[in-house]
């Protein structure tokens, strides 16, 4: 039997509090539904085509998938991923996580993992990727220094968090601004800054903070990851990476695997293969040229390791990627700056 209060005033107060909580939850749900509907409407204008769409703001890209995509290897750059519709499931080591509508994912370090997308023509996956501008993050952290200290706990590489109404409003305003060339030029940079501020002061802020500082093991490994991505096509060895991170070889190996779920040299190899795939899909290089560009001396070794990671030969994987994203073969172009992201 449920206990009841003998005090009528207490009973009335408890009922009022419960009703107010229900009303707040209902209002938040209605707000989230309205915000999502408006974001989906804006995507129809900003990103009507399948695949990645670059916006007028260099840090912001939009992703649309009109059909589900199977589990495949991906590599994200350090970024904030905000899902407006649909769902993705990620796998890294033994960890499985999902990020879906009205959630955001912070990738504080570049990590290779596997991802599957759930979408349909009626309910396409719609997402926004905001690349972390580390100079902007450092500037914000300096401003926050007096009011928000770093956590004493080791940060995680990434996990998803629900959008709160304040952050959801900022995302909607960013999409609104991107729909107008003048607003995109004048307003979008300030809104991007606001979104970074909201994330830094939210639940996932410590992951970004730790990636930029060296007080924790996570920050030291993040420094090594940045080093790898700056020179993935060059000569890299574990001794040098450990020394630059200020760790013994044994500690470096252990902490690197804790953050990335792989060994340092396997991470280097995976990074090279992801970049090679990007060069072939987006820049039109053949397998031999892409292999040489990312630091392979043996084309046959490149082909073996590429097939081991992606499950297909370089030629077949390029065909599959272009089919998935409805992309025609690109024209030959000049070399572009190095990037992190492959398909997501």
Protein backbone atom coordinates (compact mmCIF):
# COMPACT_ATOMS: atom_id res chain seq x y z
CA UNK A 1 0.00 0.00 0.00
CA UNK A 2 1.28 3.49 -0.86
CA UNK A 3 2.06 5.71 2.12
CA UNK A 4 0.14 8.97 2.35
CA UNK A 5 0.93 12.16 4.26
CA UNK A 6 -1.18 13.00 7.30
CA UNK A 7 -0.54 16.67 6.65
CA UNK A 8 -2.89 18.05 3.95
CA UNK A 9 -0.47 20.89 3.18
CA UNK A 10 2.38 18.43 2.58
CA UNK A 11 0.18 16.37 0.30
CA UNK A 12 -0.87 19.44 -1.69
CA UNK A 13 2.77 20.58 -1.90
CA UNK A 14 3.97 17.18 -3.12
CA UNK A 15 1.20 17.08 -5.72
CA UNK A 16 2.07 20.57 -6.92
CA UNK A 17 5.77 19.74 -7.21
CA UNK A 18 4.99 16.57 -9.14
CA UNK A 19 2.65 18.43 -11.47
CA UNK A 20 5.23 21.15 -12.04
CA UNK A 21 7.90 18.55 -12.85
CA UNK A 22 5.58 16.85 -15.31
CA UNK A 23 4.78 20.21 -16.90
CA UNK A 24 8.49 21.05 -17.23
CA UNK A 25 9.22 17.66 -18.79
CA UNK A 26 6.33 18.10 -21.21
CA UNK A 27 7.49 21.62 -22.12
CA UNK A 28 11.07 20.42 -22.69
CA UNK A 29 9.84 17.58 -24.90
CA UNK A 30 7.68 19.97 -26.91
CA UNK A 31 10.62 22.38 -27.29
CA UNK A 32 12.95 19.57 -28.41
CA UNK A 33 10.39 18.35 -30.95
CA UNK A 34 9.89 21.85 -32.36
CA UNK A 35 13.66 22.48 -32.48
CA UNK A 36 14.28 19.17 -34.26
CA UNK A 37 11.51 19.87 -36.79
CA UNK A 38 13.06 23.24 -37.62
CA UNK A 39 16.55 21.74 -37.96
CA UNK A 40 15.24 19.08 -40.34
CA UNK A 41 13.53 21.81 -42.37
CA UNK A 42 16.77 23.79 -42.61
CA UNK A 43 18.72 20.69 -43.69
CA UNK A 44 16.39 20.33 -46.67
CA UNK A 45 17.79 23.64 -47.93
CA UNK A 46 21.36 23.47 -46.66
CA UNK A 47 22.17 19.80 -47.40
CA UNK A 48 19.67 18.31 -49.86
CA UNK A 49 22.17 15.81 -51.27
CA UNK A 50 23.59 12.59 -49.89
CA UNK A 51 26.98 12.74 -48.19
CA UNK A 52 29.02 15.62 -46.78
CA UNK A 53 28.17 19.25 -47.54
CA UNK A 54 30.69 22.00 -46.84
CA UNK A 55 29.20 25.23 -45.56
CA UNK A 56 30.36 28.82 -45.85
CA UNK A 57 31.93 28.48 -42.39
CA UNK A 58 35.18 26.53 -42.63
CA UNK A 59 34.64 24.66 -39.34
CA UNK A 60 31.11 23.44 -40.10
CA UNK A 61 30.10 20.52 -42.31
CA UNK A 62 26.71 18.88 -42.74
CA UNK A 63 26.09 15.18 -43.28
CA UNK A 64 23.05 13.57 -44.84
CA UNK A 65 22.48 9.83 -45.31
CA UNK A 66 19.25 8.76 -47.01
CA UNK A 67 19.78 5.07 -46.31
CA UNK A 68 21.33 2.90 -43.66
CA UNK A 69 25.04 2.11 -43.95
CA UNK A 70 26.68 -1.01 -42.52
CA UNK A 71 29.38 -1.01 -39.90
CA UNK A 72 32.58 0.35 -41.42
CA UNK A 73 35.92 1.85 -40.28
CA UNK A 74 35.89 5.64 -39.91
CA UNK A 75 38.22 8.29 -38.57
CA UNK A 76 36.86 11.57 -37.22
CA UNK A 77 38.88 14.70 -36.66
CA UNK A 78 38.59 16.42 -33.25
CA UNK A 79 35.09 17.82 -33.50
CA UNK A 80 31.63 18.21 -32.02
CA UNK A 81 29.05 16.07 -33.84
CA UNK A 82 25.43 17.11 -33.34
CA UNK A 83 22.71 14.76 -34.55
CA UNK A 84 19.50 16.36 -35.77
CA UNK A 85 17.79 13.20 -37.02
CA UNK A 86 18.57 9.49 -37.34
CA UNK A 87 21.00 7.36 -35.37
CA UNK A 88 24.57 6.09 -35.49
CA UNK A 89 26.17 3.30 -33.48
CA UNK A 90 29.90 3.41 -32.82
CA UNK A 91 32.30 0.66 -31.79
CA UNK A 92 35.74 1.16 -30.32
CA UNK A 93 37.42 -1.80 -28.67
CA UNK A 94 34.83 -3.38 -26.40
CA UNK A 95 32.88 -0.13 -26.08
CA UNK A 96 29.60 0.33 -27.95
CA UNK A 97 27.86 3.68 -27.94
CA UNK A 98 25.10 5.35 -29.88
CA UNK A 99 24.32 8.95 -30.75
CA UNK A 100 20.95 9.91 -32.12
CA UNK A 101 18.55 12.83 -32.55
CA UNK A 102 19.09 15.75 -30.18
CA UNK A 103 22.39 14.40 -28.87
CA UNK A 104 25.95 15.54 -29.38
CA UNK A 105 29.24 13.68 -29.45
CA UNK A 106 32.58 15.26 -28.63
CA UNK A 107 35.66 13.81 -30.31
CA UNK A 108 38.41 15.47 -28.27
CA UNK A 109 41.13 13.47 -30.06
CA UNK A 110 41.20 11.86 -33.53
CA UNK A 111 40.24 8.23 -33.01
CA UNK A 112 39.66 5.48 -35.58
CA UNK A 113 36.60 3.40 -34.77
CA UNK A 114 33.78 1.57 -36.55
CA UNK A 115 30.39 3.08 -37.18
CA UNK A 116 27.02 2.06 -38.60
CA UNK A 117 24.27 4.46 -39.69
CA UNK A 118 20.53 3.95 -39.31
CA UNK A 119 18.52 6.01 -41.79
CA UNK A 120 15.91 5.86 -44.56
CA UNK A 121 14.59 8.07 -47.36
CA UNK A 122 11.69 9.11 -45.12
CA UNK A 123 13.90 9.61 -42.06
CA UNK A 124 17.41 10.47 -43.30
CA UNK A 125 20.33 10.78 -40.95
CA UNK A 126 21.09 14.49 -40.52
CA UNK A 127 24.14 15.62 -38.62
CA UNK A 128 26.35 18.66 -38.13
CA UNK A 129 30.10 18.38 -37.58
CA UNK A 130 31.85 21.34 -35.98
CA UNK A 131 35.64 21.01 -36.19
CA UNK A 132 37.36 21.99 -32.97
CA UNK A 133 39.46 25.09 -33.64
CA UNK A 134 42.09 24.60 -30.95
CA UNK A 135 43.13 28.26 -30.96
CA UNK A 136 39.52 29.23 -30.22
CA UNK A 137 39.26 26.53 -27.55
CA UNK A 138 42.49 27.75 -25.92
CA UNK A 139 41.17 31.31 -25.93
CA UNK A 140 37.92 30.21 -24.27
CA UNK A 141 39.79 28.12 -21.71
CA UNK A 142 41.89 31.14 -20.74
CA UNK A 143 38.72 33.16 -20.21
CA UNK A 144 37.20 30.31 -18.15
CA UNK A 145 40.31 29.73 -16.06
CA UNK A 146 39.09 31.68 -13.02
CA UNK A 147 35.70 29.99 -12.89
CA UNK A 148 36.11 26.42 -14.17
CA UNK A 149 39.01 24.27 -13.11
CA UNK A 150 40.05 21.06 -14.84
CA UNK A 151 38.70 17.78 -13.54
CA UNK A 152 40.99 15.48 -11.60
CA UNK A 153 39.56 12.45 -13.41
CA UNK A 154 41.02 11.13 -16.64
CA UNK A 155 38.85 12.11 -19.59
CA UNK A 156 37.45 9.70 -22.13
CA UNK A 157 38.01 9.92 -25.88
CA UNK A 158 34.35 10.43 -26.66
CA UNK A 159 30.79 9.74 -25.56
CA UNK A 160 27.37 11.18 -26.35
CA UNK A 161 25.30 13.64 -24.31
CA UNK A 162 21.73 14.95 -24.76
CA UNK A 163 21.39 18.47 -26.14
CA UNK A 164 20.03 20.83 -23.51
CA UNK A 165 17.64 23.60 -24.65
CA UNK A 166 20.38 26.28 -24.58
CA UNK A 167 22.76 24.32 -26.81
CA UNK A 168 19.91 23.17 -29.06
CA UNK A 169 18.88 26.79 -29.54
CA UNK A 170 22.43 27.75 -30.52
CA UNK A 171 22.60 24.91 -33.08
CA UNK A 172 19.28 25.98 -34.59
CA UNK A 173 20.49 29.58 -34.82
CA UNK A 174 23.69 28.42 -36.51
CA UNK A 175 21.72 26.55 -39.17
CA UNK A 176 19.48 29.60 -39.62
CA UNK A 177 22.56 31.79 -40.10
CA UNK A 178 24.14 29.39 -42.59
CA UNK A 179 21.01 29.63 -44.74
CA UNK A 180 21.79 33.31 -45.42
CA UNK A 181 25.17 34.31 -46.96
CA UNK A 182 25.25 37.60 -45.03
CA UNK A 183 24.22 36.03 -41.73
CA UNK A 184 26.73 33.24 -42.29
CA UNK A 185 29.54 35.76 -42.66
CA UNK A 186 28.52 38.05 -39.80
CA UNK A 187 26.72 35.84 -37.26
CA UNK A 188 27.94 32.27 -37.75
CA UNK A 189 31.45 32.78 -36.22
CA UNK A 190 29.92 34.14 -33.01
CA UNK A 191 27.44 31.26 -32.82
CA UNK A 192 30.21 28.70 -33.37
CA UNK A 193 32.09 30.32 -30.50
CA UNK A 194 28.96 30.13 -28.35
CA UNK A 195 28.50 26.42 -29.12
CA UNK A 196 32.13 25.71 -28.17
CA UNK A 197 31.62 27.68 -24.95
CA UNK A 198 28.44 25.72 -24.10
CA UNK A 199 30.21 22.41 -24.69
CA UNK A 200 33.28 23.45 -22.68
CA UNK A 201 31.11 24.40 -19.71
CA UNK A 202 28.94 21.30 -20.08
CA UNK A 203 29.33 17.63 -19.27
CA UNK A 204 31.96 16.96 -21.94
CA UNK A 205 34.11 20.03 -21.39
CA UNK A 206 36.78 18.19 -19.43
CA UNK A 207 37.51 15.90 -22.38
CA UNK A 208 38.46 18.89 -24.54
CA UNK A 209 40.31 20.57 -21.69
CA UNK A 210 42.35 17.45 -20.98
CA UNK A 211 43.28 17.08 -24.66
CA UNK A 212 44.95 20.50 -24.59
CA UNK A 213 46.81 20.14 -21.30
CA UNK A 214 49.51 17.72 -20.19
CA UNK A 215 48.64 17.33 -16.51
CA UNK A 216 46.91 14.01 -17.23
CA UNK A 217 47.93 10.99 -19.27
CA UNK A 218 45.04 11.73 -21.63
CA UNK A 219 46.53 15.11 -22.53
CA UNK A 220 49.94 13.60 -23.19
CA UNK A 221 48.47 10.94 -25.45
CA UNK A 222 46.45 13.66 -27.22
CA UNK A 223 49.74 15.45 -27.91
CA UNK A 224 51.14 12.24 -29.44
CA UNK A 225 48.03 11.82 -31.60
CA UNK A 226 48.38 15.36 -32.93
CA UNK A 227 52.02 14.60 -33.72
CA UNK A 228 51.02 11.47 -35.64
CA UNK A 229 48.41 13.32 -37.70
CA UNK A 230 50.84 16.12 -38.49
CA UNK A 231 53.46 13.67 -39.81
CA UNK A 232 51.65 10.40 -40.58
CA UNK A 233 53.45 10.09 -43.93
CA UNK A 234 56.90 10.48 -42.36
CA UNK A 235 59.13 8.28 -40.24
CA UNK A 236 57.46 7.67 -36.88
CA UNK A 237 58.69 5.40 -34.11
CA UNK A 238 57.31 4.62 -30.68
CA UNK A 239 60.47 5.64 -28.80
CA UNK A 240 60.28 9.17 -30.21
CA UNK A 241 56.54 9.48 -29.54
CA UNK A 242 56.97 8.28 -25.94
CA UNK A 243 59.88 10.65 -25.33
CA UNK A 244 57.96 13.63 -26.74
CA UNK A 245 54.99 12.71 -24.53
CA UNK A 246 57.26 12.64 -21.48
CA UNK A 247 56.51 8.99 -20.69
CA UNK A 248 58.43 5.77 -20.34
CA UNK A 249 57.92 3.32 -23.19
CA UNK A 250 55.86 0.94 -21.05
CA UNK A 251 53.58 3.68 -19.66
CA UNK A 252 53.17 5.23 -23.10
CA UNK A 253 52.08 1.90 -24.60
CA UNK A 254 49.61 1.26 -21.79
CA UNK A 255 48.07 4.75 -21.81
CA UNK A 256 47.96 4.92 -25.60
CA UNK A 257 45.97 1.71 -25.74
CA UNK A 258 43.66 2.91 -22.97
CA UNK A 259 42.76 6.03 -24.99
CA UNK A 260 42.70 4.57 -28.51
CA UNK A 261 42.03 0.84 -27.92
CA UNK A 262 45.01 0.05 -30.16
CA UNK A 263 48.82 0.14 -30.16
CA UNK A 264 50.78 3.23 -31.32
CA UNK A 265 52.09 1.70 -34.56
CA UNK A 266 48.74 0.11 -35.40
CA UNK A 267 47.21 3.57 -34.95
CA UNK A 268 49.82 5.04 -37.32
CA UNK A 269 49.04 2.35 -39.89
CA UNK A 270 45.27 2.89 -39.58
CA UNK A 271 45.70 6.65 -39.93
CA UNK A 272 47.75 6.23 -43.11
CA UNK A 273 45.16 3.88 -44.62
CA UNK A 274 42.29 6.25 -43.83
CA UNK A 275 44.15 9.13 -45.44
CA UNK A 276 44.91 6.98 -48.48
CA UNK A 277 41.21 6.14 -48.84
CA UNK A 278 40.37 9.83 -48.64
CA UNK A 279 42.92 10.63 -51.35
CA UNK A 280 41.46 7.99 -53.65
CA UNK A 281 37.77 8.83 -53.05
CA UNK A 282 37.97 12.62 -52.95
CA UNK A 283 41.09 13.47 -54.93
CA UNK A 284 41.00 10.70 -57.55
CA UNK A 285 44.46 9.22 -56.86
CA UNK A 286 45.06 5.60 -57.80
CA UNK A 287 46.15 3.07 -55.16
CA UNK A 288 49.85 3.32 -55.95
CA UNK A 289 49.94 7.10 -55.78
CA UNK A 290 47.88 7.17 -52.59
CA UNK A 291 50.11 4.56 -50.96
CA UNK A 292 53.25 6.56 -51.76
CA UNK A 293 51.62 9.79 -50.55
CA UNK A 294 50.89 8.37 -47.10
CA UNK A 295 54.31 6.82 -46.63
CA UNK A 296 54.13 3.26 -47.99
CA UNK A 297 57.16 2.04 -49.93
CA UNK A 298 55.52 -1.24 -51.00
CA UNK A 299 52.29 -1.10 -53.03
CA UNK A 300 51.59 -4.78 -52.36
CA UNK A 301 51.94 -4.29 -48.60
CA UNK A 302 49.61 -1.30 -48.84
CA UNK A 303 46.97 -3.35 -50.70
CA UNK A 304 47.17 -6.20 -48.16
CA UNK A 305 46.82 -3.91 -45.16
CA UNK A 306 44.11 -1.82 -46.84
CA UNK A 307 41.99 -4.94 -47.49
CA UNK A 308 42.58 -6.17 -43.94
CA UNK A 309 41.18 -2.89 -42.52
CA UNK A 310 38.35 -2.12 -44.93
CA UNK A 311 37.46 -5.62 -46.10
CA UNK A 312 37.83 -4.72 -49.79
CA UNK A 313 40.64 -3.98 -52.21
CA UNK A 314 41.42 -0.27 -52.76
CA UNK A 315 39.61 -0.26 -56.13
CA UNK A 316 36.50 -1.98 -54.75
CA UNK A 317 36.43 0.19 -51.62
CA UNK A 318 36.53 3.38 -53.69
CA UNK A 319 33.63 2.09 -55.79
CA UNK A 320 31.67 1.24 -52.65
CA UNK A 321 32.28 4.62 -51.07
CA UNK A 322 31.17 6.47 -54.19
CA UNK A 323 28.03 4.33 -54.34
CA UNK A 324 27.26 4.97 -50.66
CA UNK A 325 27.59 8.72 -51.06
CA UNK A 326 26.29 8.99 -54.63
CA UNK A 327 29.56 10.65 -55.60
CA UNK A 328 30.87 10.70 -59.18
CA UNK A 329 34.57 10.08 -59.77
CA UNK A 330 36.39 13.34 -59.01
CA UNK A 331 38.56 15.16 -61.54
CA UNK A 332 42.29 15.22 -60.99
CA UNK A 333 43.09 18.07 -58.65
CA UNK A 334 46.07 19.64 -56.97
CA UNK A 335 47.17 18.28 -53.59
CA UNK A 336 44.94 19.41 -50.74
CA UNK A 337 46.02 20.04 -47.14
CA UNK A 338 46.05 16.98 -44.86
CA UNK A 339 42.74 16.17 -43.16
CA UNK A 340 41.54 13.72 -40.57
CA UNK A 341 38.06 12.76 -41.65
CA UNK A 342 37.08 9.90 -43.88
CA UNK A 343 33.46 8.83 -44.19
CA UNK A 344 31.14 9.12 -41.24
